Amino acid sequence: MIRVRELERSLEFYRLAFGLIEGHRLDFPDFALVYLRNAENDFEVELTWNKGRELAYTHGDGYGHVAVAVSGLEVERARFAELGFGPTPVKEFKDGDTLLARYFFVQDPDGYKIEVLEKSGHYV
């Protein structure tokens, strides 16, 4: 679950970035729960929108990040840059000479970090 301040802005980000679309919504007077998914995966991301909230959420020291695996890491990074999402440079994670992962990070409109991993090795 991710708390968002501007629901429409977050819906657009997750649609453009990861192809996630609204699968289900529970709308209450003070808040809404919006569940995002796509046909490629069997998971959902829940966006919680507390209506009328103006202050940004703090992430504290408990939130790490969400990770998504993609094919064509450089292509996806270029696409994110073109969309104005400000992806970080691609980095490599190694154990000695063994490549474990290639990845970059992007932030959603509320500042949540999302790791975009190349589909390979453990991350297939």
N, C-alpha and C. Protein backbone atom coordinates (compact mmCIF):
# COMPACT_ATOMS: atom_id res chain seq x y z
N MET A 1 0.84 -1.17 0.00
CA MET A 1 0.00 0.00 0.00
C MET A 1 0.88 1.23 0.00
N ILE A 2 0.51 2.17 -0.83
CA ILE A 2 1.24 3.43 -0.94
C ILE A 2 0.22 4.55 -0.77
N ARG A 3 0.52 5.46 0.16
CA ARG A 3 -0.36 6.62 0.38
C ARG A 3 0.00 7.71 -0.63
N VAL A 4 -1.01 8.23 -1.30
CA VAL A 4 -0.78 9.26 -2.31
C VAL A 4 -1.58 10.50 -1.98
N ARG A 5 -1.06 11.63 -2.41
CA ARG A 5 -1.72 12.91 -2.14
C ARG A 5 -2.61 13.35 -3.30
N GLU A 6 -2.16 13.12 -4.53
CA GLU A 6 -2.93 13.50 -5.72
C GLU A 6 -3.20 12.23 -6.52
N LEU A 7 -4.39 11.68 -6.33
CA LEU A 7 -4.72 10.37 -6.91
C LEU A 7 -4.56 10.34 -8.42
N GLU A 8 -5.10 11.30 -9.14
CA GLU A 8 -5.05 11.27 -10.61
C GLU A 8 -3.61 11.33 -11.11
N ARG A 9 -2.79 12.13 -10.47
CA ARG A 9 -1.38 12.23 -10.85
C ARG A 9 -0.67 10.88 -10.64
N SER A 10 -0.96 10.22 -9.54
CA SER A 10 -0.36 8.91 -9.26
C SER A 10 -0.86 7.85 -10.23
N LEU A 11 -2.15 7.87 -10.53
CA LEU A 11 -2.70 6.91 -11.50
C LEU A 11 -2.01 7.05 -12.85
N GLU A 12 -1.80 8.29 -13.29
CA GLU A 12 -1.13 8.54 -14.57
C GLU A 12 0.31 8.07 -14.53
N PHE A 13 1.03 8.33 -13.44
CA PHE A 13 2.42 7.88 -13.31
C PHE A 13 2.51 6.36 -13.41
N TYR A 14 1.75 5.63 -12.63
CA TYR A 14 1.85 4.17 -12.63
C TYR A 14 1.37 3.56 -13.94
N ARG A 15 0.44 4.22 -14.62
CA ARG A 15 0.00 3.74 -15.95
C ARG A 15 1.13 3.92 -16.96
N LEU A 16 1.70 5.11 -17.01
CA LEU A 16 2.76 5.38 -17.98
C LEU A 16 4.04 4.62 -17.66
N ALA A 17 4.41 4.57 -16.40
CA ALA A 17 5.67 3.95 -16.01
C ALA A 17 5.64 2.43 -16.11
N PHE A 18 4.58 1.81 -15.61
CA PHE A 18 4.58 0.35 -15.47
C PHE A 18 3.38 -0.35 -16.10
N GLY A 19 2.54 0.39 -16.81
CA GLY A 19 1.38 -0.22 -17.45
C GLY A 19 0.35 -0.71 -16.45
N LEU A 20 0.36 -0.16 -15.23
CA LEU A 20 -0.61 -0.57 -14.22
C LEU A 20 -1.87 0.29 -14.35
N ILE A 21 -3.00 -0.38 -14.39
CA ILE A 21 -4.26 0.33 -14.50
C ILE A 21 -5.18 -0.06 -13.35
N GLU A 22 -6.17 0.76 -13.13
CA GLU A 22 -7.10 0.51 -12.04
C GLU A 22 -7.89 -0.76 -12.30
N GLY A 23 -7.80 -1.69 -11.35
CA GLY A 23 -8.56 -2.93 -11.45
C GLY A 23 -9.80 -2.91 -10.58
N HIS A 24 -9.72 -2.14 -9.49
CA HIS A 24 -10.81 -2.10 -8.52
C HIS A 24 -10.65 -0.86 -7.66
N ARG A 25 -11.77 -0.30 -7.24
CA ARG A 25 -11.72 0.88 -6.38
C ARG A 25 -12.79 0.77 -5.30
N LEU A 26 -12.39 1.07 -4.09
CA LEU A 26 -13.32 1.18 -2.97
C LEU A 26 -13.32 2.65 -2.57
N ASP A 27 -14.44 3.33 -2.79
CA ASP A 27 -14.51 4.77 -2.57
C ASP A 27 -15.39 5.04 -1.35
N PHE A 28 -14.81 5.68 -0.36
CA PHE A 28 -15.49 6.04 0.87
C PHE A 28 -15.51 7.56 0.99
N PRO A 29 -16.31 8.11 1.89
CA PRO A 29 -16.39 9.57 2.00
C PRO A 29 -15.04 10.25 2.27
N ASP A 30 -14.21 9.66 3.11
CA ASP A 30 -12.95 10.31 3.50
C ASP A 30 -11.72 9.78 2.80
N PHE A 31 -11.81 8.62 2.17
CA PHE A 31 -10.65 8.03 1.51
C PHE A 31 -11.09 7.07 0.42
N ALA A 32 -10.13 6.73 -0.44
CA ALA A 32 -10.38 5.74 -1.48
C ALA A 32 -9.20 4.78 -1.53
N LEU A 33 -9.49 3.52 -1.81
CA LEU A 33 -8.47 2.51 -2.04
C LEU A 33 -8.56 2.11 -3.50
N VAL A 34 -7.46 2.29 -4.23
CA VAL A 34 -7.45 2.01 -5.66
C VAL A 34 -6.39 0.93 -5.91
N TYR A 35 -6.80 -0.17 -6.51
CA TYR A 35 -5.92 -1.31 -6.74
C TYR A 35 -5.49 -1.33 -8.20
N LEU A 36 -4.18 -1.29 -8.42
CA LEU A 36 -3.61 -1.24 -9.77
C LEU A 36 -3.00 -2.58 -10.12
N ARG A 37 -3.15 -2.96 -11.40
CA ARG A 37 -2.58 -4.22 -11.87
C ARG A 37 -2.39 -4.16 -13.38
N ASN A 38 -1.72 -5.16 -13.93
CA ASN A 38 -1.66 -5.33 -15.37
C ASN A 38 -1.71 -6.80 -15.71
N ALA A 39 -1.86 -7.10 -16.99
CA ALA A 39 -2.04 -8.49 -17.42
C ALA A 39 -0.77 -9.32 -17.29
N GLU A 40 0.39 -8.68 -17.16
CA GLU A 40 1.66 -9.40 -17.10
C GLU A 40 1.99 -9.97 -15.73
N ASN A 41 1.32 -9.50 -14.69
CA ASN A 41 1.70 -9.86 -13.33
C ASN A 41 0.51 -10.32 -12.51
N ASP A 42 0.80 -11.02 -11.44
CA ASP A 42 -0.28 -11.49 -10.57
C ASP A 42 -0.25 -10.76 -9.21
N PHE A 43 0.15 -9.50 -9.22
CA PHE A 43 0.17 -8.71 -8.00
C PHE A 43 -0.59 -7.42 -8.22
N GLU A 44 -0.91 -6.75 -7.11
CA GLU A 44 -1.56 -5.46 -7.17
C GLU A 44 -0.76 -4.46 -6.33
N VAL A 45 -0.84 -3.21 -6.73
CA VAL A 45 -0.35 -2.11 -5.91
C VAL A 45 -1.59 -1.37 -5.44
N GLU A 46 -1.69 -1.17 -4.14
CA GLU A 46 -2.83 -0.45 -3.59
C GLU A 46 -2.42 1.00 -3.33
N LEU A 47 -3.14 1.92 -3.94
CA LEU A 47 -2.95 3.34 -3.65
C LEU A 47 -4.04 3.76 -2.67
N THR A 48 -3.64 4.37 -1.57
CA THR A 48 -4.59 4.89 -0.60
C THR A 48 -4.59 6.41 -0.71
N TRP A 49 -5.74 6.96 -0.99
CA TRP A 49 -5.89 8.41 -1.13
C TRP A 49 -6.79 8.92 0.00
N ASN A 50 -6.21 9.66 0.91
CA ASN A 50 -6.97 10.30 1.98
C ASN A 50 -7.42 11.65 1.46
N LYS A 51 -8.70 11.74 1.17
CA LYS A 51 -9.27 12.92 0.52
C LYS A 51 -9.08 14.16 1.39
N GLY A 52 -8.68 15.24 0.76
CA GLY A 52 -8.52 16.50 1.46
C GLY A 52 -7.16 16.69 2.13
N ARG A 53 -6.32 15.69 2.09
CA ARG A 53 -4.99 15.84 2.70
C ARG A 53 -4.15 16.76 1.83
N GLU A 54 -3.53 17.74 2.45
CA GLU A 54 -2.67 18.68 1.73
C GLU A 54 -1.20 18.47 2.01
N LEU A 55 -0.86 17.99 3.20
CA LEU A 55 0.54 17.79 3.56
C LEU A 55 1.11 16.53 2.91
N ALA A 56 2.36 16.62 2.48
CA ALA A 56 3.03 15.44 1.93
C ALA A 56 3.24 14.42 3.03
N TYR A 57 3.25 13.15 2.67
CA TYR A 57 3.52 12.09 3.63
C TYR A 57 5.02 12.00 3.87
N THR A 58 5.39 11.64 5.08
CA THR A 58 6.80 11.36 5.35
C THR A 58 7.00 9.86 5.21
N HIS A 59 8.16 9.47 4.76
CA HIS A 59 8.43 8.05 4.53
C HIS A 59 9.12 7.40 5.71
N GLY A 60 9.57 8.20 6.66
CA GLY A 60 10.19 7.66 7.86
C GLY A 60 11.39 6.77 7.54
N ASP A 61 11.73 5.91 8.46
CA ASP A 61 12.86 5.02 8.23
C ASP A 61 12.42 3.57 8.03
N GLY A 62 11.13 3.35 7.85
CA GLY A 62 10.63 1.99 7.67
C GLY A 62 10.41 1.60 6.22
N TYR A 63 10.21 2.58 5.34
CA TYR A 63 9.94 2.27 3.94
C TYR A 63 11.25 2.08 3.21
N GLY A 64 11.38 0.97 2.49
CA GLY A 64 12.55 0.73 1.66
C GLY A 64 12.22 1.15 0.24
N HIS A 65 11.76 0.21 -0.56
CA HIS A 65 11.32 0.52 -1.91
C HIS A 65 10.60 -0.67 -2.52
N VAL A 66 9.88 -0.40 -3.58
CA VAL A 66 9.24 -1.42 -4.40
C VAL A 66 10.18 -1.70 -5.55
N ALA A 67 10.24 -2.95 -6.02
CA ALA A 67 11.07 -3.30 -7.17
C ALA A 67 10.22 -3.94 -8.26
N VAL A 68 10.52 -3.59 -9.51
CA VAL A 68 9.82 -4.11 -10.67
C VAL A 68 10.88 -4.61 -11.65
N ALA A 69 10.70 -5.81 -12.20
CA ALA A 69 11.64 -6.36 -13.19
C ALA A 69 11.10 -6.10 -14.59
N VAL A 70 12.00 -5.65 -15.50
CA VAL A 70 11.62 -5.34 -16.87
C VAL A 70 12.63 -5.94 -17.85
N SER A 71 12.20 -6.16 -19.06
CA SER A 71 13.10 -6.52 -20.14
C SER A 71 13.60 -5.22 -20.77
N GLY A 72 14.81 -5.22 -21.29
CA GLY A 72 15.32 -4.04 -21.97
C GLY A 72 15.52 -2.86 -21.04
N LEU A 73 16.39 -3.01 -20.06
CA LEU A 73 16.58 -1.99 -19.03
C LEU A 73 16.91 -0.62 -19.61
N GLU A 74 17.83 -0.54 -20.56
CA GLU A 74 18.22 0.75 -21.13
C GLU A 74 17.06 1.40 -21.88
N VAL A 75 16.29 0.58 -22.59
CA VAL A 75 15.12 1.10 -23.32
C VAL A 75 14.11 1.69 -22.33
N GLU A 76 13.87 0.96 -21.25
CA GLU A 76 12.92 1.45 -20.24
C GLU A 76 13.44 2.72 -19.56
N ARG A 77 14.73 2.76 -19.27
CA ARG A 77 15.30 3.96 -18.65
C ARG A 77 15.16 5.16 -19.58
N ALA A 78 15.43 4.97 -20.87
CA ALA A 78 15.28 6.07 -21.84
C ALA A 78 13.82 6.51 -21.92
N ARG A 79 12.90 5.57 -21.87
CA ARG A 79 11.46 5.90 -21.91
C ARG A 79 11.08 6.71 -20.68
N PHE A 80 11.56 6.30 -19.50
CA PHE A 80 11.27 7.03 -18.27
C PHE A 80 11.82 8.46 -18.36
N ALA A 81 13.04 8.60 -18.90
CA ALA A 81 13.64 9.92 -19.04
C ALA A 81 12.81 10.79 -19.98
N GLU A 82 12.34 10.20 -21.08
CA GLU A 82 11.53 10.93 -22.04
C GLU A 82 10.21 11.40 -21.42
N LEU A 83 9.68 10.60 -20.50
CA LEU A 83 8.43 10.95 -19.81
C LEU A 83 8.67 11.99 -18.71
N GLY A 84 9.94 12.32 -18.44
CA GLY A 84 10.26 13.31 -17.43
C GLY A 84 10.28 12.77 -16.01
N PHE A 85 10.46 11.45 -15.85
CA PHE A 85 10.42 10.82 -14.53
C PHE A 85 11.77 10.83 -13.82
N GLY A 86 12.84 11.33 -14.46
CA GLY A 86 14.13 11.48 -13.82
C GLY A 86 14.76 10.21 -13.28
N PRO A 87 14.89 9.17 -14.11
CA PRO A 87 15.52 7.94 -13.61
C PRO A 87 16.99 8.16 -13.29
N THR A 88 17.49 7.42 -12.29
CA THR A 88 18.91 7.48 -11.96
C THR A 88 19.70 6.71 -13.01
N PRO A 89 21.02 6.87 -13.05
CA PRO A 89 21.82 6.07 -13.98
C PRO A 89 21.70 4.57 -13.66
N VAL A 90 21.92 3.75 -14.68
CA VAL A 90 21.92 2.29 -14.49
C VAL A 90 23.15 1.92 -13.66
N LYS A 91 22.93 1.07 -12.67
CA LYS A 91 24.01 0.59 -11.82
C LYS A 91 24.05 -0.93 -11.88
N GLU A 92 25.21 -1.47 -11.51
CA GLU A 92 25.37 -2.92 -11.45
C GLU A 92 25.66 -3.33 -10.02
N PHE A 93 25.08 -4.46 -9.62
CA PHE A 93 25.31 -5.04 -8.29
C PHE A 93 26.03 -6.36 -8.53
N LYS A 94 27.22 -6.48 -7.95
CA LYS A 94 28.06 -7.66 -8.19
C LYS A 94 28.48 -8.31 -6.88
N ASP A 95 28.76 -9.59 -6.97
CA ASP A 95 29.40 -10.35 -5.90
C ASP A 95 30.74 -10.77 -6.48
N GLY A 96 31.78 -10.01 -6.19
CA GLY A 96 33.07 -10.23 -6.84
C GLY A 96 32.94 -9.87 -8.31
N ASP A 97 33.22 -10.84 -9.18
CA ASP A 97 33.08 -10.63 -10.62
C ASP A 97 31.73 -11.09 -11.16
N THR A 98 30.89 -11.65 -10.30
CA THR A 98 29.59 -12.16 -10.72
C THR A 98 28.54 -11.07 -10.68
N LEU A 99 27.94 -10.79 -11.83
CA LEU A 99 26.88 -9.79 -11.93
C LEU A 99 25.61 -10.37 -11.32
N LEU A 100 25.08 -9.70 -10.31
CA LEU A 100 23.84 -10.14 -9.67
C LEU A 100 22.62 -9.40 -10.22
N ALA A 101 22.80 -8.11 -10.52
CA ALA A 101 21.66 -7.33 -11.00
C ALA A 101 22.13 -6.05 -11.66
N ARG A 102 21.30 -5.57 -12.60
CA ARG A 102 21.44 -4.25 -13.19
C ARG A 102 20.13 -3.53 -12.93
N TYR A 103 20.22 -2.24 -12.57
CA TYR A 103 19.01 -1.54 -12.13
C TYR A 103 19.18 -0.02 -12.19
N PHE A 104 18.04 0.65 -12.10
CA PHE A 104 18.01 2.09 -11.85
C PHE A 104 16.82 2.36 -10.94
N PHE A 105 16.77 3.56 -10.40
CA PHE A 105 15.65 3.96 -9.54
C PHE A 105 14.90 5.11 -10.17
N VAL A 106 13.62 5.20 -9.84
CA VAL A 106 12.76 6.30 -10.20
C VAL A 106 11.88 6.59 -8.99
N GLN A 107 11.35 7.80 -8.90
CA GLN A 107 10.44 8.12 -7.80
C GLN A 107 9.06 8.45 -8.34
N ASP A 108 8.04 8.00 -7.62
CA ASP A 108 6.68 8.33 -8.02
C ASP A 108 6.36 9.76 -7.57
N PRO A 109 5.16 10.28 -7.90
CA PRO A 109 4.85 11.66 -7.55
C PRO A 109 4.91 12.00 -6.06
N ASP A 110 4.81 10.98 -5.20
CA ASP A 110 4.88 11.22 -3.76
C ASP A 110 6.26 10.92 -3.19
N GLY A 111 7.24 10.66 -4.06
CA GLY A 111 8.61 10.47 -3.62
C GLY A 111 8.97 9.05 -3.22
N TYR A 112 8.08 8.09 -3.48
CA TYR A 112 8.42 6.70 -3.18
C TYR A 112 9.40 6.19 -4.21
N LYS A 113 10.48 5.56 -3.74
CA LYS A 113 11.49 5.02 -4.65
C LYS A 113 11.03 3.68 -5.21
N ILE A 114 11.26 3.52 -6.52
CA ILE A 114 10.93 2.27 -7.20
C ILE A 114 12.18 1.82 -7.93
N GLU A 115 12.62 0.61 -7.63
CA GLU A 115 13.79 0.04 -8.29
C GLU A 115 13.32 -0.69 -9.55
N VAL A 116 13.93 -0.38 -10.67
CA VAL A 116 13.60 -1.03 -11.94
C VAL A 116 14.78 -1.92 -12.28
N LEU A 117 14.56 -3.24 -12.19
CA LEU A 117 15.60 -4.25 -12.39
C LEU A 117 15.50 -4.86 -13.78
N GLU A 118 16.63 -5.22 -14.32
CA GLU A 118 16.66 -5.97 -15.57
C GLU A 118 16.26 -7.41 -15.29
N LYS A 119 15.36 -7.98 -16.12
CA LYS A 119 14.97 -9.38 -15.97
C LYS A 119 16.15 -10.26 -16.34
N SER A 120 16.79 -10.82 -15.33
CA SER A 120 17.88 -11.78 -15.55
C SER A 120 18.24 -12.41 -14.22
N GLY A 121 18.91 -13.55 -14.30
CA GLY A 121 19.35 -14.24 -13.09
C GLY A 121 18.22 -14.48 -12.11
N HIS A 122 18.41 -14.01 -10.89
CA HIS A 122 17.41 -14.16 -9.83
C HIS A 122 16.12 -13.39 -10.13
N TYR A 123 16.20 -12.36 -10.95
CA TYR A 123 15.07 -11.45 -11.18
C TYR A 123 14.34 -11.73 -12.49
N VAL A 124 14.05 -12.98 -12.75
CA VAL A 124 13.31 -13.35 -13.96
C VAL A 124 11.87 -13.58 -13.61
